[in-house]
Amino acid sequence: MTKIWIIFFAMTLLSSCYYDVEEELYGTLECSTEGMTYSGEVLAIISANCYKCHDAANNFGNITLEGYANLKKYVDNGQLLGAIKRQPGFSPMPKNEPPLLDCDIAKIEQWIADGALNN
């Protein structure tokens, strides 16, 4: 009788081992980069990921990204994209943190491609 329970328990455990593929269940998440604006998407991404170290109060590395004019300097010289894309020759940002989501980087890239307007 004990063997039957062990077999039953083992079969129950084995049948409960199932791996779901997230993309099959929910589909791929779309990353819309249409109509990117500084005040809409870009400011939210930068403030959530960069202001901890690079706002007016905490300008580590003498870099302040708070405010459009400050951010635009680093957009124009390529440092912003180089850092968030972790390209060679740039200090990877955010420092000692996981990289920005690919979608967030794509949104910033699109905003820059659209002229990096203060909108």
N, C-alpha and C. Protein backbone atom coordinates (compact mmCIF):
# COMPACT_ATOMS: atom_id res chain seq x y z
N MET A 1 0.82 -1.20 0.00
CA MET A 1 0.00 0.00 0.00
C MET A 1 0.87 1.27 0.00
N THR A 2 1.98 1.22 0.73
CA THR A 2 2.88 2.36 0.79
C THR A 2 3.47 2.65 -0.58
N LYS A 3 3.79 1.60 -1.34
CA LYS A 3 4.35 1.80 -2.68
C LYS A 3 3.35 2.51 -3.58
N ILE A 4 2.10 2.18 -3.43
CA ILE A 4 1.07 2.81 -4.26
C ILE A 4 1.01 4.31 -3.96
N TRP A 5 1.07 4.67 -2.70
CA TRP A 5 1.05 6.08 -2.32
C TRP A 5 2.29 6.81 -2.82
N ILE A 6 3.43 6.16 -2.75
CA ILE A 6 4.67 6.77 -3.23
C ILE A 6 4.59 6.99 -4.74
N ILE A 7 4.11 5.99 -5.45
CA ILE A 7 3.96 6.11 -6.90
C ILE A 7 2.95 7.21 -7.23
N PHE A 8 1.83 7.23 -6.53
CA PHE A 8 0.81 8.25 -6.75
C PHE A 8 1.39 9.65 -6.50
N PHE A 9 2.10 9.80 -5.40
CA PHE A 9 2.71 11.09 -5.04
C PHE A 9 3.74 11.51 -6.09
N ALA A 10 4.57 10.57 -6.53
CA ALA A 10 5.58 10.86 -7.54
C ALA A 10 4.93 11.27 -8.86
N MET A 11 3.89 10.59 -9.25
CA MET A 11 3.19 10.93 -10.51
C MET A 11 2.55 12.31 -10.40
N THR A 12 2.01 12.63 -9.24
CA THR A 12 1.42 13.94 -9.04
C THR A 12 2.47 15.03 -9.15
N LEU A 13 3.62 14.81 -8.54
CA LEU A 13 4.70 15.79 -8.62
C LEU A 13 5.19 15.96 -10.05
N LEU A 14 5.39 14.85 -10.74
CA LEU A 14 5.89 14.93 -12.11
C LEU A 14 4.90 15.59 -13.05
N SER A 15 3.64 15.33 -12.85
CA SER A 15 2.64 15.94 -13.74
C SER A 15 2.47 17.42 -13.46
N SER A 16 2.84 17.86 -12.27
CA SER A 16 2.72 19.28 -11.96
C SER A 16 3.90 20.09 -12.46
N CYS A 17 4.95 19.43 -12.91
CA CYS A 17 6.11 20.12 -13.46
C CYS A 17 5.80 20.51 -14.90
N TYR A 18 5.49 21.77 -15.09
CA TYR A 18 5.12 22.26 -16.40
C TYR A 18 5.74 23.64 -16.57
N TYR A 19 6.30 23.88 -17.72
CA TYR A 19 6.97 25.15 -17.98
C TYR A 19 6.15 25.94 -18.99
N ASP A 20 5.72 27.12 -18.60
CA ASP A 20 5.00 28.00 -19.51
C ASP A 20 5.97 28.97 -20.16
N VAL A 21 5.79 29.17 -21.44
CA VAL A 21 6.57 30.17 -22.16
C VAL A 21 5.75 31.45 -22.13
N GLU A 22 6.29 32.47 -21.50
CA GLU A 22 5.55 33.71 -21.26
C GLU A 22 5.04 34.33 -22.57
N GLU A 23 5.87 34.30 -23.61
CA GLU A 23 5.45 34.89 -24.88
C GLU A 23 4.25 34.16 -25.47
N GLU A 24 4.18 32.84 -25.26
CA GLU A 24 3.04 32.09 -25.78
C GLU A 24 1.78 32.41 -25.00
N LEU A 25 1.91 32.64 -23.71
CA LEU A 25 0.75 32.94 -22.88
C LEU A 25 0.24 34.35 -23.09
N TYR A 26 1.14 35.32 -23.12
CA TYR A 26 0.74 36.72 -23.13
C TYR A 26 1.10 37.45 -24.42
N GLY A 27 1.81 36.80 -25.31
CA GLY A 27 2.27 37.46 -26.51
C GLY A 27 3.46 38.34 -26.20
N THR A 28 4.10 38.85 -27.22
CA THR A 28 5.24 39.73 -26.98
C THR A 28 4.72 41.12 -26.64
N LEU A 29 5.37 41.75 -25.71
CA LEU A 29 4.99 43.09 -25.33
C LEU A 29 5.52 44.06 -26.38
N GLU A 30 4.65 44.91 -26.83
CA GLU A 30 5.04 45.89 -27.83
C GLU A 30 5.70 47.08 -27.15
N CYS A 31 6.66 47.62 -27.82
CA CYS A 31 7.33 48.82 -27.32
C CYS A 31 7.06 49.93 -28.33
N SER A 32 6.10 50.74 -28.02
CA SER A 32 5.76 51.83 -28.93
C SER A 32 6.71 53.00 -28.72
N THR A 33 7.31 53.42 -29.81
CA THR A 33 8.21 54.58 -29.75
C THR A 33 7.66 55.74 -30.56
N GLU A 34 6.39 55.68 -30.87
CA GLU A 34 5.77 56.76 -31.64
C GLU A 34 5.45 57.94 -30.74
N GLY A 35 5.75 59.12 -31.23
CA GLY A 35 5.38 60.34 -30.52
C GLY A 35 6.07 60.54 -29.19
N MET A 36 7.35 60.19 -29.12
CA MET A 36 8.09 60.36 -27.87
C MET A 36 8.27 61.85 -27.58
N THR A 37 8.02 62.22 -26.34
CA THR A 37 8.22 63.61 -25.92
C THR A 37 9.09 63.65 -24.68
N TYR A 38 9.74 64.79 -24.50
CA TYR A 38 10.57 64.96 -23.31
C TYR A 38 9.71 64.92 -22.05
N SER A 39 8.64 65.70 -22.04
CA SER A 39 7.82 65.80 -20.82
C SER A 39 6.99 64.55 -20.57
N GLY A 40 6.74 63.77 -21.61
CA GLY A 40 5.95 62.56 -21.43
C GLY A 40 6.79 61.38 -21.01
N GLU A 41 7.48 60.78 -21.94
CA GLU A 41 8.20 59.54 -21.67
C GLU A 41 9.64 59.74 -21.20
N VAL A 42 10.37 60.60 -21.86
CA VAL A 42 11.81 60.72 -21.61
C VAL A 42 12.09 61.20 -20.18
N LEU A 43 11.41 62.23 -19.74
CA LEU A 43 11.62 62.75 -18.40
C LEU A 43 11.34 61.68 -17.34
N ALA A 44 10.29 60.90 -17.55
CA ALA A 44 9.95 59.83 -16.59
C ALA A 44 11.06 58.78 -16.53
N ILE A 45 11.60 58.40 -17.67
CA ILE A 45 12.67 57.39 -17.72
C ILE A 45 13.93 57.93 -17.05
N ILE A 46 14.31 59.15 -17.39
CA ILE A 46 15.53 59.75 -16.84
C ILE A 46 15.39 59.98 -15.34
N SER A 47 14.26 60.50 -14.91
CA SER A 47 14.12 60.77 -13.47
C SER A 47 14.09 59.48 -12.67
N ALA A 48 13.47 58.44 -13.19
CA ALA A 48 13.40 57.16 -12.46
C ALA A 48 14.73 56.44 -12.41
N ASN A 49 15.57 56.63 -13.42
CA ASN A 49 16.80 55.85 -13.51
C ASN A 49 18.08 56.64 -13.28
N CYS A 50 18.03 57.96 -13.39
CA CYS A 50 19.27 58.74 -13.35
C CYS A 50 19.34 59.76 -12.22
N TYR A 51 18.20 60.27 -11.78
CA TYR A 51 18.21 61.36 -10.81
C TYR A 51 18.78 60.95 -9.45
N LYS A 52 18.78 59.69 -9.15
CA LYS A 52 19.33 59.25 -7.86
C LYS A 52 20.78 59.72 -7.71
N CYS A 53 21.48 59.77 -8.82
CA CYS A 53 22.89 60.19 -8.79
C CYS A 53 23.15 61.48 -9.57
N HIS A 54 22.25 61.86 -10.46
CA HIS A 54 22.55 62.98 -11.37
C HIS A 54 21.46 64.05 -11.38
N ASP A 55 20.89 64.37 -10.21
CA ASP A 55 19.99 65.51 -10.14
C ASP A 55 20.78 66.71 -9.62
N ALA A 56 20.12 67.82 -9.38
CA ALA A 56 20.83 69.03 -8.95
C ALA A 56 21.51 68.85 -7.60
N ALA A 57 20.94 68.03 -6.73
CA ALA A 57 21.51 67.83 -5.40
C ALA A 57 22.62 66.79 -5.39
N ASN A 58 22.53 65.81 -6.26
CA ASN A 58 23.50 64.70 -6.30
C ASN A 58 24.14 64.60 -7.67
N ASN A 59 24.97 65.54 -8.00
CA ASN A 59 25.56 65.52 -9.35
C ASN A 59 26.89 64.79 -9.35
N PHE A 60 26.82 63.48 -9.11
CA PHE A 60 28.03 62.65 -9.12
C PHE A 60 28.71 62.76 -10.48
N GLY A 61 30.03 62.82 -10.45
CA GLY A 61 30.79 62.96 -11.68
C GLY A 61 30.61 64.31 -12.33
N ASN A 62 30.09 65.27 -11.56
CA ASN A 62 29.81 66.61 -12.08
C ASN A 62 28.81 66.57 -13.24
N ILE A 63 27.91 65.60 -13.20
CA ILE A 63 26.92 65.45 -14.27
C ILE A 63 25.53 65.64 -13.66
N THR A 64 24.82 66.65 -14.17
CA THR A 64 23.45 66.91 -13.74
C THR A 64 22.55 66.72 -14.95
N LEU A 65 21.60 65.82 -14.82
CA LEU A 65 20.67 65.56 -15.92
C LEU A 65 19.29 66.16 -15.65
N GLU A 66 19.14 66.81 -14.52
CA GLU A 66 17.85 67.41 -14.17
C GLU A 66 17.62 68.65 -15.00
N GLY A 67 16.49 68.70 -15.65
CA GLY A 67 16.15 69.82 -16.52
C GLY A 67 16.55 69.55 -17.96
N TYR A 68 15.74 70.05 -18.86
CA TYR A 68 15.96 69.80 -20.29
C TYR A 68 17.33 70.27 -20.76
N ALA A 69 17.72 71.50 -20.40
CA ALA A 69 18.99 72.06 -20.89
C ALA A 69 20.18 71.22 -20.45
N ASN A 70 20.14 70.74 -19.20
CA ASN A 70 21.25 69.90 -18.71
C ASN A 70 21.30 68.58 -19.46
N LEU A 71 20.15 67.94 -19.63
CA LEU A 71 20.10 66.66 -20.34
C LEU A 71 20.55 66.82 -21.78
N LYS A 72 20.11 67.90 -22.42
CA LYS A 72 20.40 68.12 -23.84
C LYS A 72 21.90 68.18 -24.11
N LYS A 73 22.69 68.70 -23.18
CA LYS A 73 24.15 68.74 -23.36
C LYS A 73 24.70 67.33 -23.57
N TYR A 74 24.20 66.38 -22.78
CA TYR A 74 24.71 65.01 -22.85
C TYR A 74 24.09 64.23 -24.01
N VAL A 75 22.95 64.69 -24.47
CA VAL A 75 22.37 64.12 -25.69
C VAL A 75 23.22 64.55 -26.88
N ASP A 76 23.52 65.85 -26.94
CA ASP A 76 24.25 66.40 -28.08
C ASP A 76 25.67 65.86 -28.22
N ASN A 77 26.34 65.60 -27.10
CA ASN A 77 27.72 65.09 -27.21
C ASN A 77 27.79 63.56 -27.23
N GLY A 78 26.63 62.90 -27.21
CA GLY A 78 26.59 61.44 -27.34
C GLY A 78 26.80 60.67 -26.05
N GLN A 79 27.08 61.39 -24.96
CA GLN A 79 27.34 60.69 -23.70
C GLN A 79 26.12 59.97 -23.15
N LEU A 80 24.95 60.54 -23.31
CA LEU A 80 23.75 59.90 -22.75
C LEU A 80 23.54 58.52 -23.37
N LEU A 81 23.47 58.46 -24.69
CA LEU A 81 23.25 57.17 -25.34
C LEU A 81 24.41 56.21 -25.12
N GLY A 82 25.62 56.71 -25.18
CA GLY A 82 26.79 55.86 -24.95
C GLY A 82 26.75 55.20 -23.58
N ALA A 83 26.33 55.96 -22.58
CA ALA A 83 26.29 55.44 -21.21
C ALA A 83 25.13 54.47 -21.00
N ILE A 84 23.93 54.83 -21.46
CA ILE A 84 22.78 53.94 -21.20
C ILE A 84 22.81 52.69 -22.08
N LYS A 85 23.50 52.78 -23.24
CA LYS A 85 23.64 51.59 -24.09
C LYS A 85 24.88 50.79 -23.72
N ARG A 86 25.64 51.32 -22.75
CA ARG A 86 26.84 50.66 -22.23
C ARG A 86 27.86 50.36 -23.33
N GLN A 87 28.08 51.36 -24.16
CA GLN A 87 29.02 51.22 -25.26
C GLN A 87 30.46 51.38 -24.76
N PRO A 88 31.41 50.76 -25.47
CA PRO A 88 32.82 50.91 -25.09
C PRO A 88 33.23 52.39 -25.08
N GLY A 89 34.03 52.75 -24.09
CA GLY A 89 34.49 54.13 -23.98
C GLY A 89 33.59 55.00 -23.12
N PHE A 90 32.47 54.46 -22.67
CA PHE A 90 31.54 55.21 -21.83
C PHE A 90 31.36 54.47 -20.51
N SER A 91 31.14 55.23 -19.46
CA SER A 91 30.85 54.62 -18.17
C SER A 91 29.42 54.07 -18.21
N PRO A 92 29.24 52.76 -17.99
CA PRO A 92 27.90 52.18 -18.10
C PRO A 92 26.96 52.72 -17.02
N MET A 93 25.80 53.15 -17.46
CA MET A 93 24.82 53.72 -16.54
C MET A 93 23.49 52.98 -16.66
N PRO A 94 22.75 52.92 -15.60
CA PRO A 94 23.06 53.36 -14.26
C PRO A 94 24.17 52.52 -13.63
N LYS A 95 25.06 53.19 -12.93
CA LYS A 95 26.23 52.54 -12.35
C LYS A 95 25.81 51.57 -11.25
N ASN A 96 26.37 50.37 -11.30
CA ASN A 96 26.11 49.31 -10.32
C ASN A 96 24.63 48.95 -10.21
N GLU A 97 23.90 49.15 -11.27
CA GLU A 97 22.47 48.84 -11.35
C GLU A 97 22.23 48.07 -12.64
N PRO A 98 21.10 47.38 -12.74
CA PRO A 98 20.77 46.73 -14.01
C PRO A 98 20.63 47.78 -15.11
N PRO A 99 20.90 47.40 -16.35
CA PRO A 99 20.75 48.37 -17.44
C PRO A 99 19.30 48.77 -17.63
N LEU A 100 19.10 49.89 -18.30
CA LEU A 100 17.75 50.31 -18.64
C LEU A 100 17.10 49.25 -19.51
N LEU A 101 15.80 49.19 -19.47
CA LEU A 101 15.06 48.28 -20.34
C LEU A 101 15.31 48.66 -21.80
N ASP A 102 15.36 47.67 -22.66
CA ASP A 102 15.57 47.93 -24.09
C ASP A 102 14.51 48.88 -24.62
N CYS A 103 13.28 48.73 -24.15
CA CYS A 103 12.20 49.60 -24.61
C CYS A 103 12.46 51.05 -24.20
N ASP A 104 12.94 51.26 -22.98
CA ASP A 104 13.24 52.62 -22.53
C ASP A 104 14.37 53.24 -23.36
N ILE A 105 15.37 52.45 -23.67
CA ILE A 105 16.47 52.94 -24.51
C ILE A 105 15.94 53.28 -25.90
N ALA A 106 15.08 52.43 -26.44
CA ALA A 106 14.50 52.69 -27.77
C ALA A 106 13.67 53.97 -27.77
N LYS A 107 12.96 54.23 -26.68
CA LYS A 107 12.17 55.46 -26.59
C LYS A 107 13.07 56.69 -26.58
N ILE A 108 14.15 56.62 -25.83
CA ILE A 108 15.09 57.75 -25.79
C ILE A 108 15.75 57.93 -27.16
N GLU A 109 16.14 56.83 -27.79
CA GLU A 109 16.74 56.91 -29.13
C GLU A 109 15.78 57.56 -30.12
N GLN A 110 14.50 57.20 -30.05
CA GLN A 110 13.53 57.77 -30.97
C GLN A 110 13.33 59.25 -30.70
N TRP A 111 13.27 59.63 -29.44
CA TRP A 111 13.15 61.04 -29.08
C TRP A 111 14.33 61.83 -29.64
N ILE A 112 15.52 61.27 -29.54
CA ILE A 112 16.72 61.93 -30.08
C ILE A 112 16.64 62.00 -31.60
N ALA A 113 16.24 60.90 -32.23
CA ALA A 113 16.11 60.88 -33.70
C ALA A 113 15.08 61.90 -34.18
N ASP A 114 14.08 62.16 -33.35
CA ASP A 114 13.04 63.15 -33.70
C ASP A 114 13.48 64.58 -33.41
N GLY A 115 14.71 64.77 -32.97
CA GLY A 115 15.24 66.11 -32.74
C GLY A 115 15.46 66.47 -31.28
N ALA A 116 15.17 65.56 -30.37
CA ALA A 116 15.36 65.80 -28.92
C ALA A 116 14.73 67.12 -28.49
N LEU A 117 13.48 67.29 -28.86
CA LEU A 117 12.79 68.55 -28.59
C LEU A 117 12.37 68.67 -27.13
N ASN A 118 12.23 69.91 -26.68
CA ASN A 118 11.73 70.19 -25.33
C ASN A 118 10.21 70.28 -25.41
N ASN A 119 9.59 69.13 -25.54
CA ASN A 119 8.14 69.10 -25.72
C ASN A 119 7.47 68.26 -24.66
